[in-house]
Amino acid sequence: MSALLSLSNVTKRFGGLLAVNSMTFDLQEGEVVGLLGPNGSGKTTLINLISGALPPTAGSVHVAGKEIAGLRADQIARSGIARTFQLVRILPSMTVLENVQVPAAFGAKSHWGGEIDRIARTCLEQVGIAHLARAMPGDLTYIDQKRLELARALAAEPKVLLLDEWLAGLNPTELQDGIALIRKLQSTGITILLVEHIMEAVRALCPRCVVMNAGALIADGTTEEVLADPNVIAAYLGDSHA
């Protein structure tokens, strides 16, 4: 079975710094995979390479068999990649609904007219903030701003959703709500690559994990196997989390 997302020897150099070093792994359609690693290990840089925020120095990235490495971010979005950011990025001068209409217009299928409104409202309902459609983003609580950003990513109708620490900064109740929401997305069959430090969420959501350290792949396997791997424990988790 061919992979939906395939990375082969993806590398990024910033001058003399090797930030991502020959990363190679595949995601099958419908998989939810955790991307783990200590701070500075290259996880967000890798997400930036996949999504087009940065061009790779070397290597290839394929989505459904199509090479996307080095394409512009808008071209990659149209190929079926959408992402969230560590820090919420919303359009503060536009309403919640208008924020979600934008990616519906410029995502994978480029909708127009009434279809944009339908998709935007569907995505807001999917993340639980349809009742806030007319609100301004700055008036939302933190978790609802996170929900808005997720709705924006979903409105692009991606084949692959990249979640970069989407659960970070939530209190315990919000965290459980966030886990439940991502689990609901799982049930739709969407493919997700999840960058996360919260092990409770990783165990709840990710049957498989890929682990980076110093820009390189150090483990790829079931979550149980990976979290028990001595190399992972030494690089990232610490003995108390083993």
Protein backbone atom coordinates (compact mmCIF):
# COMPACT_ATOMS: atom_id res chain seq x y z
CA MET A 1 0.00 0.00 0.00
CA SER A 2 1.44 3.36 -1.04
CA ALA A 3 1.86 6.02 1.63
CA LEU A 4 -0.29 9.13 1.71
CA LEU A 5 2.60 11.24 3.07
CA SER A 6 6.14 10.11 2.34
CA LEU A 7 9.36 11.79 3.49
CA SER A 8 12.68 10.66 2.06
CA ASN A 9 15.99 12.01 3.36
CA VAL A 10 14.45 15.40 4.17
CA THR A 11 17.23 17.73 5.28
CA LYS A 12 17.45 21.38 6.31
CA ARG A 13 20.61 23.37 6.91
CA PHE A 14 20.79 26.90 8.26
CA GLY A 15 24.36 27.80 7.41
CA GLY A 16 26.47 25.40 9.46
CA LEU A 17 23.51 24.19 11.56
CA LEU A 18 21.98 20.90 10.50
CA ALA A 19 18.43 21.36 11.83
CA VAL A 20 16.84 18.34 10.11
CA ASN A 21 19.04 15.44 9.13
CA SER A 22 17.80 12.97 6.49
CA MET A 23 14.36 12.37 7.99
CA THR A 24 12.61 9.44 6.32
CA PHE A 25 9.21 8.02 7.25
CA ASP A 26 5.74 7.41 5.77
CA LEU A 27 2.17 8.01 6.92
CA GLN A 28 -0.59 5.80 5.63
CA GLU A 29 -4.06 7.18 4.98
CA GLY A 30 -6.02 7.46 8.21
CA GLU A 31 -3.01 7.17 10.52
CA VAL A 32 -2.56 9.45 13.53
CA VAL A 33 1.17 9.60 14.28
CA GLY A 34 2.92 11.46 17.08
CA LEU A 35 6.07 13.44 16.24
CA LEU A 36 8.08 13.59 19.45
CA GLY A 37 11.42 14.97 20.55
CA PRO A 38 13.01 17.37 23.02
CA ASN A 39 12.90 21.11 22.49
CA GLY A 40 15.22 22.06 19.66
CA SER A 41 15.14 18.60 18.09
CA GLY A 42 13.77 19.91 14.79
CA LYS A 43 10.07 19.00 15.00
CA THR A 44 8.64 22.40 14.07
CA THR A 45 11.30 22.85 11.39
CA LEU A 46 10.18 19.54 9.89
CA ILE A 47 6.55 20.69 9.96
CA ASN A 48 7.66 23.90 8.24
CA LEU A 49 9.39 21.86 5.54
CA ILE A 50 6.33 19.70 4.92
CA SER A 51 3.92 22.66 4.84
CA GLY A 52 6.12 24.91 2.70
CA ALA A 53 6.98 27.56 5.28
CA LEU A 54 10.60 26.60 4.58
CA PRO A 55 12.19 24.90 1.55
CA PRO A 56 14.23 21.77 2.26
CA THR A 57 17.95 21.77 1.55
CA ALA A 58 17.64 18.21 0.26
CA GLY A 59 15.22 15.30 0.15
CA SER A 60 11.71 14.73 -1.11
CA VAL A 61 8.18 14.98 0.28
CA HIS A 62 5.30 13.29 -1.51
CA VAL A 63 1.56 13.61 -0.87
CA ALA A 64 -0.51 10.94 -2.59
CA GLY A 65 2.45 10.33 -4.89
CA LYS A 66 2.95 14.00 -5.82
CA GLU A 67 6.26 15.71 -5.05
CA ILE A 68 5.70 18.86 -3.00
CA ALA A 69 9.17 19.60 -1.60
CA GLY A 70 10.18 23.14 -2.50
CA LEU A 71 6.74 24.24 -3.68
CA ARG A 72 5.21 27.45 -2.33
CA ALA A 73 3.05 27.12 0.78
CA ASP A 74 -0.13 27.90 -1.18
CA GLN A 75 0.68 25.19 -3.72
CA ILE A 76 1.29 22.70 -0.93
CA ALA A 77 -2.02 23.70 0.69
CA ARG A 78 -3.78 22.96 -2.58
CA SER A 79 -2.03 19.58 -2.64
CA GLY A 80 -3.77 18.64 0.59
CA ILE A 81 -1.59 19.77 3.51
CA ALA A 82 -2.94 21.97 6.31
CA ARG A 83 -1.42 22.90 9.65
CA THR A 84 -1.83 24.66 12.95
CA PHE A 85 0.90 26.64 14.72
CA GLN A 86 2.42 26.57 18.20
CA LEU A 87 1.23 30.13 18.68
CA VAL A 88 -2.33 30.72 17.47
CA ARG A 89 -2.43 32.63 14.18
CA ILE A 90 -5.78 34.22 13.49
CA LEU A 91 -6.98 37.21 11.47
CA PRO A 92 -8.00 39.66 14.23
CA SER A 93 -9.93 42.12 12.05
CA MET A 94 -12.24 39.42 10.64
CA THR A 95 -15.07 37.57 12.37
CA VAL A 96 -14.72 33.94 13.42
CA LEU A 97 -16.73 32.87 10.38
CA GLU A 98 -14.69 35.01 8.00
CA ASN A 99 -11.48 33.54 9.41
CA VAL A 100 -12.66 30.08 8.39
CA GLN A 101 -14.02 31.18 5.02
CA VAL A 102 -10.53 32.20 3.85
CA PRO A 103 -9.01 28.69 3.78
CA ALA A 104 -12.24 27.32 2.32
CA ALA A 105 -11.59 29.63 -0.64
CA PHE A 106 -7.86 28.96 -0.95
CA GLY A 107 -7.49 25.37 0.26
CA ALA A 108 -7.38 22.11 -1.63
CA LYS A 109 -10.63 22.62 -3.58
CA SER A 110 -10.90 26.44 -3.89
CA HIS A 111 -14.61 26.89 -3.21
CA TRP A 112 -16.53 30.09 -3.97
CA GLY A 113 -19.89 31.66 -3.24
CA GLY A 114 -22.30 29.97 -0.89
CA GLU A 115 -20.17 26.84 -0.72
CA ILE A 116 -17.52 28.78 1.23
CA ASP A 117 -20.09 29.72 3.86
CA ARG A 118 -21.37 26.14 4.11
CA ILE A 119 -17.91 24.67 4.58
CA ALA A 120 -16.89 27.32 7.10
CA ARG A 121 -20.00 26.78 9.22
CA THR A 122 -19.58 23.00 9.04
CA CYS A 123 -16.00 23.28 10.31
CA LEU A 124 -17.02 25.63 13.12
CA GLU A 125 -19.69 23.14 14.15
CA GLN A 126 -17.16 20.32 13.95
CA VAL A 127 -14.89 22.00 16.50
CA GLY A 128 -17.76 23.19 18.71
CA ILE A 129 -17.82 26.96 18.15
CA ALA A 130 -20.58 27.41 15.56
CA HIS A 131 -22.40 29.66 18.03
CA LEU A 132 -19.45 32.08 17.92
CA ALA A 133 -19.52 32.61 14.15
CA ARG A 134 -20.19 36.35 14.41
CA ALA A 135 -17.74 36.97 17.26
CA MET A 136 -14.34 38.59 16.85
CA PRO A 137 -11.36 36.28 17.49
CA GLY A 138 -9.90 38.57 20.13
CA ASP A 139 -13.01 38.06 22.26
CA LEU A 140 -12.62 34.27 22.37
CA THR A 141 -11.16 32.27 25.23
CA TYR A 142 -7.79 30.64 24.60
CA ILE A 143 -9.21 27.20 23.89
CA ASP A 144 -11.81 28.66 21.55
CA GLN A 145 -9.04 30.47 19.68
CA LYS A 146 -7.35 27.08 19.39
CA ARG A 147 -10.63 25.62 18.12
CA LEU A 148 -10.84 28.45 15.58
CA GLU A 149 -7.37 27.72 14.28
CA LEU A 150 -8.26 24.05 13.97
CA ALA A 151 -11.45 24.95 12.09
CA ARG A 152 -9.38 27.05 9.70
CA ALA A 153 -7.09 24.11 9.01
CA LEU A 154 -10.04 21.77 8.45
CA ALA A 155 -11.71 24.25 6.08
CA ALA A 156 -8.79 23.76 3.69
CA GLU A 157 -10.03 20.15 3.36
CA PRO A 158 -6.61 18.58 3.85
CA LYS A 159 -5.52 15.04 3.14
CA VAL A 160 -2.92 15.46 5.90
CA LEU A 161 -3.36 17.65 9.00
CA LEU A 162 -0.23 18.82 10.82
CA LEU A 163 -0.92 19.77 14.45
CA ASP A 164 2.02 21.59 16.03
CA GLU A 165 1.47 21.41 19.81
CA TRP A 166 -2.22 22.23 19.38
CA LEU A 167 -2.92 21.03 22.93
CA ALA A 168 -0.20 23.17 24.56
CA GLY A 169 -1.27 25.66 27.21
CA LEU A 170 -4.63 24.09 28.02
CA ASN A 171 -5.77 23.47 31.58
CA PRO A 172 -6.66 19.87 32.57
CA THR A 173 -10.34 20.20 31.66
CA GLU A 174 -9.55 21.90 28.34
CA LEU A 175 -6.95 19.22 27.62
CA GLN A 176 -9.55 16.48 27.93
CA ASP A 177 -11.87 18.47 25.65
CA GLY A 178 -9.03 18.88 23.15
CA ILE A 179 -8.18 15.18 23.20
CA ALA A 180 -11.85 14.33 22.65
CA LEU A 181 -12.00 16.72 19.70
CA ILE A 182 -8.93 15.23 18.01
CA ARG A 183 -10.30 11.76 18.65
CA LYS A 184 -13.50 12.83 16.90
CA LEU A 185 -11.41 13.96 13.93
CA GLN A 186 -9.70 10.56 13.93
CA SER A 187 -13.06 8.92 13.39
CA THR A 188 -13.47 10.82 10.11
CA GLY A 189 -10.40 9.04 8.68
CA ILE A 190 -8.22 12.14 8.34
CA THR A 191 -4.45 11.58 8.47
CA ILE A 192 -2.75 13.50 11.30
CA LEU A 193 0.87 14.18 12.23
CA LEU A 194 0.78 15.42 15.81
CA VAL A 195 3.69 17.28 17.42
CA GLU A 196 3.13 16.98 21.15
CA HIS A 197 4.94 17.03 24.50
CA ILE A 198 1.96 15.94 26.62
CA MET A 199 2.40 12.21 27.03
CA GLU A 200 -1.18 11.73 28.23
CA ALA A 201 -2.37 13.05 24.86
CA VAL A 202 0.18 11.05 22.90
CA ARG A 203 -0.88 7.81 24.56
CA ALA A 204 -4.56 8.62 24.06
CA LEU A 205 -4.34 9.64 20.41
CA CYS A 206 -1.31 8.12 18.69
CA PRO A 207 -0.96 4.38 18.02
CA ARG A 208 2.44 5.14 16.46
CA CYS A 209 5.18 7.69 17.15
CA VAL A 210 8.20 9.04 15.30
CA VAL A 211 10.91 10.53 17.51
CA MET A 212 13.56 13.10 16.58
CA ASN A 213 16.69 14.15 18.41
CA ALA A 214 19.22 16.69 17.15
CA GLY A 215 17.39 16.74 13.82
CA ALA A 216 17.59 13.01 13.19
CA LEU A 217 15.18 10.09 13.47
CA ILE A 218 15.92 7.97 16.55
CA ALA A 219 12.76 5.84 16.82
CA ASP A 220 9.68 4.89 14.81
CA GLY A 221 7.20 2.35 16.10
CA THR A 222 4.17 1.77 18.24
CA THR A 223 3.75 4.34 21.00
CA GLU A 224 4.30 1.69 23.68
CA GLU A 225 7.55 0.55 22.05
CA VAL A 226 8.82 4.06 21.42
CA LEU A 227 8.15 5.35 24.93
CA ALA A 228 10.03 2.35 26.35
CA ASP A 229 13.01 2.79 24.00
CA PRO A 230 16.16 3.60 26.03
CA ASN A 231 17.33 6.03 23.33
CA VAL A 232 14.06 7.94 23.55
CA ILE A 233 14.11 7.96 27.34
CA ALA A 234 17.67 9.26 27.36
CA ALA A 235 17.03 11.91 24.71
CA TYR A 236 13.63 13.15 25.72
CA LEU A 237 11.48 11.60 28.37
CA GLY A 238 13.77 11.09 31.35
CA ASP A 239 13.73 8.08 33.63
CA SER A 240 10.67 9.25 35.55
CA HIS A 241 8.54 8.93 32.42
CA ALA A 242 9.79 5.53 31.33
